[in-house]
């Protein structure tokens, strides 16, 4: 795997993980999944903990996001490669926005 591919996949994984775990747009999906699993497993258990971790933990979600993106990149490139490019470009944008926000909060912006 080339360094460029690794970088693309890394930013795509970052963006997909952030989308699933943090972004407001995925909030209804997170609430639906949490509600569905809570109704199915009202007493808790491993399945409920797994779903809650996948939608609430960036470390947990990131592993599965990477697995999905790698599989699509390798075995379904007609879908995987455009999706990875899209997520990677968006991921770079989010990373820049996060860096600028942190820079502003530290007062380094001169304000």
N, C-alpha and C. Protein backbone atom coordinates (compact mmCIF):
# COMPACT_ATOMS: atom_id res chain seq x y z
N UNK A 1 0.85 -1.17 0.00
CA UNK A 1 0.00 0.00 0.00
C UNK A 1 0.91 1.24 0.00
N UNK A 2 0.59 2.16 -0.86
CA UNK A 2 1.39 3.38 -0.96
C UNK A 2 1.07 4.33 0.20
N UNK A 3 1.96 5.28 0.42
CA UNK A 3 1.75 6.29 1.46
C UNK A 3 0.51 7.13 1.13
N UNK A 4 0.30 7.41 -0.14
CA UNK A 4 -0.87 8.20 -0.56
C UNK A 4 -2.16 7.46 -0.23
N UNK A 5 -2.19 6.17 -0.53
CA UNK A 5 -3.38 5.37 -0.23
C UNK A 5 -3.62 5.31 1.27
N UNK A 6 -2.56 5.13 2.03
CA UNK A 6 -2.69 5.10 3.48
C UNK A 6 -3.23 6.42 4.01
N UNK A 7 -2.73 7.52 3.49
CA UNK A 7 -3.20 8.84 3.90
C UNK A 7 -4.67 9.04 3.52
N UNK A 8 -5.04 8.65 2.32
CA UNK A 8 -6.45 8.75 1.89
C UNK A 8 -7.35 7.94 2.81
N UNK A 9 -6.97 6.69 3.03
CA UNK A 9 -7.79 5.83 3.88
C UNK A 9 -7.84 6.35 5.31
N UNK A 10 -6.73 6.91 5.78
CA UNK A 10 -6.71 7.45 7.14
C UNK A 10 -7.66 8.62 7.31
N UNK A 11 -7.62 9.55 6.37
CA UNK A 11 -8.54 10.70 6.46
C UNK A 11 -9.98 10.26 6.24
N UNK A 12 -10.20 9.29 5.36
CA UNK A 12 -11.56 8.79 5.13
C UNK A 12 -12.09 8.10 6.39
N UNK A 13 -11.26 7.32 7.04
CA UNK A 13 -11.66 6.66 8.27
C UNK A 13 -11.97 7.68 9.37
N UNK A 14 -11.12 8.70 9.47
CA UNK A 14 -11.35 9.78 10.42
C UNK A 14 -12.71 10.42 10.19
N UNK A 15 -13.00 10.72 8.94
CA UNK A 15 -14.26 11.41 8.62
C UNK A 15 -15.46 10.52 8.87
N UNK A 16 -15.38 9.25 8.44
CA UNK A 16 -16.50 8.34 8.64
C UNK A 16 -16.76 8.11 10.13
N UNK A 17 -15.70 7.95 10.90
CA UNK A 17 -15.85 7.76 12.34
C UNK A 17 -16.48 8.98 12.98
N UNK A 18 -16.02 10.16 12.60
CA UNK A 18 -16.58 11.39 13.15
C UNK A 18 -18.05 11.53 12.76
N UNK A 19 -18.36 11.17 11.53
CA UNK A 19 -19.74 11.24 11.05
C UNK A 19 -20.64 10.35 11.90
N UNK A 20 -20.23 9.12 12.13
CA UNK A 20 -21.06 8.17 12.88
C UNK A 20 -21.17 8.56 14.35
N UNK A 21 -20.05 8.93 14.97
CA UNK A 21 -20.02 9.12 16.42
C UNK A 21 -20.43 10.53 16.85
N UNK A 22 -20.06 11.54 16.08
CA UNK A 22 -20.20 12.91 16.55
C UNK A 22 -21.20 13.79 15.79
N UNK A 23 -21.28 13.66 14.49
CA UNK A 23 -22.02 14.63 13.68
C UNK A 23 -23.51 14.62 13.96
N UNK A 24 -24.07 15.81 13.97
CA UNK A 24 -25.50 16.00 14.22
C UNK A 24 -26.34 15.28 13.16
N UNK A 25 -25.87 15.26 11.93
CA UNK A 25 -26.65 14.65 10.86
C UNK A 25 -26.89 13.15 11.09
N UNK A 26 -25.98 12.49 11.80
CA UNK A 26 -26.16 11.07 12.08
C UNK A 26 -26.87 10.83 13.41
N UNK A 27 -27.22 11.90 14.11
CA UNK A 27 -27.90 11.77 15.40
C UNK A 27 -29.17 10.92 15.34
N UNK A 28 -30.06 11.15 14.37
CA UNK A 28 -31.26 10.31 14.30
C UNK A 28 -30.94 8.83 14.11
N UNK A 29 -29.91 8.53 13.33
CA UNK A 29 -29.51 7.13 13.14
C UNK A 29 -28.98 6.54 14.45
N UNK A 30 -28.17 7.32 15.18
CA UNK A 30 -27.67 6.84 16.48
C UNK A 30 -28.82 6.61 17.45
N UNK A 31 -29.77 7.54 17.51
CA UNK A 31 -30.92 7.39 18.42
C UNK A 31 -31.78 6.20 18.02
N UNK A 32 -31.98 6.00 16.73
CA UNK A 32 -32.77 4.86 16.26
C UNK A 32 -32.08 3.55 16.63
N UNK A 33 -30.77 3.45 16.38
CA UNK A 33 -30.03 2.22 16.69
C UNK A 33 -30.03 1.95 18.19
N UNK A 34 -29.79 2.98 18.98
CA UNK A 34 -29.79 2.80 20.44
C UNK A 34 -31.17 2.37 20.94
N UNK A 35 -32.22 2.98 20.40
CA UNK A 35 -33.58 2.61 20.80
C UNK A 35 -33.95 1.20 20.38
N UNK A 36 -33.58 0.84 19.15
CA UNK A 36 -33.89 -0.50 18.65
C UNK A 36 -33.20 -1.57 19.48
N UNK A 37 -31.95 -1.35 19.79
CA UNK A 37 -31.22 -2.37 20.56
C UNK A 37 -31.70 -2.39 22.02
N UNK A 38 -32.11 -1.24 22.55
CA UNK A 38 -32.64 -1.21 23.91
C UNK A 38 -33.97 -1.95 24.00
N UNK A 39 -34.80 -1.83 22.96
CA UNK A 39 -36.07 -2.58 22.95
C UNK A 39 -35.82 -4.07 22.80
N UNK A 40 -34.84 -4.43 21.99
CA UNK A 40 -34.55 -5.85 21.75
C UNK A 40 -33.86 -6.50 22.95
N UNK A 41 -33.02 -5.75 23.63
CA UNK A 41 -32.27 -6.26 24.78
C UNK A 41 -32.48 -5.33 25.98
N UNK A 42 -33.68 -5.33 26.58
CA UNK A 42 -33.97 -4.39 27.66
C UNK A 42 -33.10 -4.62 28.90
N UNK A 43 -32.60 -5.80 29.09
CA UNK A 43 -31.76 -6.10 30.26
C UNK A 43 -30.28 -5.80 30.02
N UNK A 44 -29.96 -5.30 28.84
CA UNK A 44 -28.55 -5.04 28.52
C UNK A 44 -27.93 -6.24 27.84
N UNK A 45 -26.69 -6.50 28.12
CA UNK A 45 -26.01 -7.64 27.54
C UNK A 45 -24.97 -7.21 26.52
N UNK A 46 -24.28 -8.21 26.01
CA UNK A 46 -23.15 -7.96 25.11
C UNK A 46 -23.57 -7.29 23.81
N UNK A 47 -24.69 -7.72 23.23
CA UNK A 47 -25.13 -7.13 21.96
C UNK A 47 -25.46 -5.65 22.12
N UNK A 48 -26.12 -5.33 23.20
CA UNK A 48 -26.47 -3.93 23.46
C UNK A 48 -25.21 -3.10 23.68
N UNK A 49 -24.28 -3.62 24.46
CA UNK A 49 -23.03 -2.91 24.71
C UNK A 49 -22.23 -2.71 23.43
N UNK A 50 -22.25 -3.72 22.56
CA UNK A 50 -21.54 -3.63 21.29
C UNK A 50 -22.10 -2.51 20.43
N UNK A 51 -23.41 -2.47 20.26
CA UNK A 51 -24.02 -1.43 19.42
C UNK A 51 -23.77 -0.05 20.03
N UNK A 52 -23.93 0.07 21.33
CA UNK A 52 -23.70 1.36 21.98
C UNK A 52 -22.25 1.81 21.83
N UNK A 53 -21.31 0.87 21.90
CA UNK A 53 -19.90 1.21 21.70
C UNK A 53 -19.63 1.62 20.26
N UNK A 54 -20.24 0.91 19.32
CA UNK A 54 -20.00 1.23 17.91
C UNK A 54 -20.51 2.60 17.52
N UNK A 55 -21.58 3.06 18.14
CA UNK A 55 -22.12 4.37 17.76
C UNK A 55 -21.71 5.48 18.71
N UNK A 56 -21.02 5.13 19.79
CA UNK A 56 -20.67 6.16 20.76
C UNK A 56 -19.18 6.29 21.06
N UNK A 57 -18.39 5.35 20.60
CA UNK A 57 -16.97 5.33 20.93
C UNK A 57 -16.14 5.47 19.65
N UNK A 58 -15.41 6.58 19.51
CA UNK A 58 -14.63 6.74 18.28
C UNK A 58 -13.55 5.68 18.09
N UNK A 59 -13.01 5.17 19.17
CA UNK A 59 -11.99 4.11 19.05
C UNK A 59 -12.62 2.84 18.50
N UNK A 60 -13.79 2.48 19.01
CA UNK A 60 -14.48 1.26 18.57
C UNK A 60 -14.98 1.42 17.14
N UNK A 61 -15.65 2.52 16.89
CA UNK A 61 -16.21 2.77 15.56
C UNK A 61 -15.11 2.88 14.52
N UNK A 62 -13.98 3.48 14.89
CA UNK A 62 -12.89 3.67 13.94
C UNK A 62 -12.33 2.37 13.38
N UNK A 63 -12.25 1.35 14.21
CA UNK A 63 -11.76 0.05 13.74
C UNK A 63 -12.69 -0.51 12.67
N UNK A 64 -13.99 -0.44 12.94
CA UNK A 64 -14.96 -0.98 11.98
C UNK A 64 -15.08 -0.10 10.74
N UNK A 65 -14.96 1.20 10.91
CA UNK A 65 -14.95 2.09 9.75
C UNK A 65 -13.76 1.77 8.85
N UNK A 66 -12.62 1.55 9.45
CA UNK A 66 -11.43 1.19 8.67
C UNK A 66 -11.64 -0.13 7.95
N UNK A 67 -12.21 -1.10 8.63
CA UNK A 67 -12.45 -2.41 8.00
C UNK A 67 -13.38 -2.29 6.80
N UNK A 68 -14.45 -1.53 6.95
CA UNK A 68 -15.41 -1.34 5.85
C UNK A 68 -14.74 -0.62 4.68
N UNK A 69 -14.02 0.45 4.97
CA UNK A 69 -13.38 1.21 3.89
C UNK A 69 -12.30 0.39 3.19
N UNK A 70 -11.52 -0.37 3.95
CA UNK A 70 -10.50 -1.22 3.33
C UNK A 70 -11.13 -2.29 2.44
N UNK A 71 -12.20 -2.90 2.93
CA UNK A 71 -12.88 -3.93 2.15
C UNK A 71 -13.46 -3.35 0.86
N UNK A 72 -14.10 -2.19 0.96
CA UNK A 72 -14.66 -1.56 -0.24
C UNK A 72 -13.55 -1.16 -1.21
N UNK A 73 -12.47 -0.61 -0.68
CA UNK A 73 -11.33 -0.19 -1.51
C UNK A 73 -10.77 -1.39 -2.27
N UNK A 74 -10.66 -2.52 -1.58
CA UNK A 74 -10.02 -3.69 -2.18
C UNK A 74 -10.96 -4.49 -3.08
N UNK A 75 -12.17 -4.78 -2.60
CA UNK A 75 -13.03 -5.72 -3.31
C UNK A 75 -14.18 -5.09 -4.08
N UNK A 76 -14.45 -3.83 -3.88
CA UNK A 76 -15.48 -3.15 -4.65
C UNK A 76 -14.99 -1.73 -4.96
N UNK A 77 -13.90 -1.64 -5.72
CA UNK A 77 -13.27 -0.33 -5.93
C UNK A 77 -14.15 0.68 -6.66
N UNK A 78 -15.10 0.21 -7.45
CA UNK A 78 -15.96 1.15 -8.16
C UNK A 78 -16.80 1.97 -7.17
N UNK A 79 -17.05 1.43 -6.01
CA UNK A 79 -17.76 2.15 -4.94
C UNK A 79 -16.76 2.68 -3.92
N UNK A 80 -15.82 1.84 -3.54
CA UNK A 80 -14.90 2.16 -2.47
C UNK A 80 -13.99 3.35 -2.75
N UNK A 81 -13.43 3.40 -3.93
CA UNK A 81 -12.48 4.48 -4.21
C UNK A 81 -13.12 5.85 -4.25
N UNK A 82 -14.24 6.04 -4.95
CA UNK A 82 -14.88 7.37 -4.88
C UNK A 82 -15.35 7.73 -3.46
N UNK A 83 -15.85 6.74 -2.72
CA UNK A 83 -16.28 6.99 -1.35
C UNK A 83 -15.10 7.41 -0.47
N UNK A 84 -13.98 6.71 -0.61
CA UNK A 84 -12.79 7.06 0.18
C UNK A 84 -12.31 8.45 -0.18
N UNK A 85 -12.28 8.78 -1.47
CA UNK A 85 -11.85 10.14 -1.87
C UNK A 85 -12.78 11.19 -1.27
N UNK A 86 -14.07 10.97 -1.36
CA UNK A 86 -15.04 11.92 -0.81
C UNK A 86 -14.84 12.11 0.69
N UNK A 87 -14.76 11.01 1.41
CA UNK A 87 -14.58 11.10 2.86
C UNK A 87 -13.23 11.69 3.22
N UNK A 88 -12.18 11.38 2.45
CA UNK A 88 -10.84 11.90 2.74
C UNK A 88 -10.79 13.42 2.56
N UNK A 89 -11.36 13.91 1.47
CA UNK A 89 -11.37 15.36 1.24
C UNK A 89 -12.17 16.04 2.35
N UNK A 90 -13.32 15.48 2.70
CA UNK A 90 -14.11 16.03 3.80
C UNK A 90 -13.35 15.94 5.12
N UNK A 91 -12.62 14.85 5.31
CA UNK A 91 -11.83 14.67 6.53
C UNK A 91 -10.73 15.71 6.67
N UNK A 92 -10.08 16.02 5.57
CA UNK A 92 -9.06 17.07 5.59
C UNK A 92 -9.70 18.41 5.98
N UNK A 93 -10.86 18.69 5.41
CA UNK A 93 -11.57 19.92 5.75
C UNK A 93 -11.93 19.99 7.22
N UNK A 94 -12.42 18.89 7.77
CA UNK A 94 -12.77 18.85 9.19
C UNK A 94 -11.52 19.01 10.05
N UNK A 95 -10.44 18.35 9.67
CA UNK A 95 -9.18 18.46 10.43
C UNK A 95 -8.68 19.90 10.44
N UNK A 96 -8.76 20.57 9.30
CA UNK A 96 -8.35 21.98 9.23
C UNK A 96 -9.24 22.83 10.12
N UNK A 97 -10.55 22.61 10.05
CA UNK A 97 -11.48 23.37 10.88
C UNK A 97 -11.21 23.13 12.36
N UNK A 98 -10.93 21.90 12.75
CA UNK A 98 -10.62 21.60 14.15
C UNK A 98 -9.33 22.30 14.58
N UNK A 99 -8.33 22.30 13.71
CA UNK A 99 -7.05 22.94 14.02
C UNK A 99 -7.23 24.45 14.16
N UNK A 100 -7.98 25.05 13.26
CA UNK A 100 -8.22 26.49 13.34
C UNK A 100 -9.00 26.83 14.60
N UNK A 101 -10.00 26.01 14.94
CA UNK A 101 -10.77 26.23 16.16
C UNK A 101 -9.90 26.15 17.40
N UNK A 102 -9.00 25.17 17.44
CA UNK A 102 -8.09 25.03 18.58
C UNK A 102 -7.13 26.22 18.64
N UNK A 103 -6.68 26.65 17.50
CA UNK A 103 -5.77 27.79 17.42
C UNK A 103 -6.45 29.05 17.95
N UNK A 104 -7.70 29.23 17.57
CA UNK A 104 -8.46 30.40 18.04
C UNK A 104 -8.69 30.34 19.55
N UNK A 105 -9.00 29.14 20.06
CA UNK A 105 -9.27 29.01 21.49
C UNK A 105 -8.03 29.27 22.34
N UNK A 106 -6.85 29.02 21.80
CA UNK A 106 -5.62 29.26 22.57
C UNK A 106 -5.21 30.72 22.56
N UNK A 107 -5.87 31.52 21.73
CA UNK A 107 -5.52 32.93 21.64
C UNK A 107 -4.40 33.19 20.66
N UNK A 108 -3.98 32.17 19.95
CA UNK A 108 -2.88 32.34 18.99
C UNK A 108 -3.29 33.17 17.80
N UNK A 109 -4.58 33.38 17.62
CA UNK A 109 -5.07 34.14 16.47
C UNK A 109 -4.90 35.63 16.68
N UNK A 110 -4.42 36.03 17.83
CA UNK A 110 -4.19 37.45 18.07
C UNK A 110 -5.42 38.20 18.53
N UNK A 111 -6.49 37.46 18.85
CA UNK A 111 -7.73 38.12 19.22
C UNK A 111 -7.88 38.22 20.63
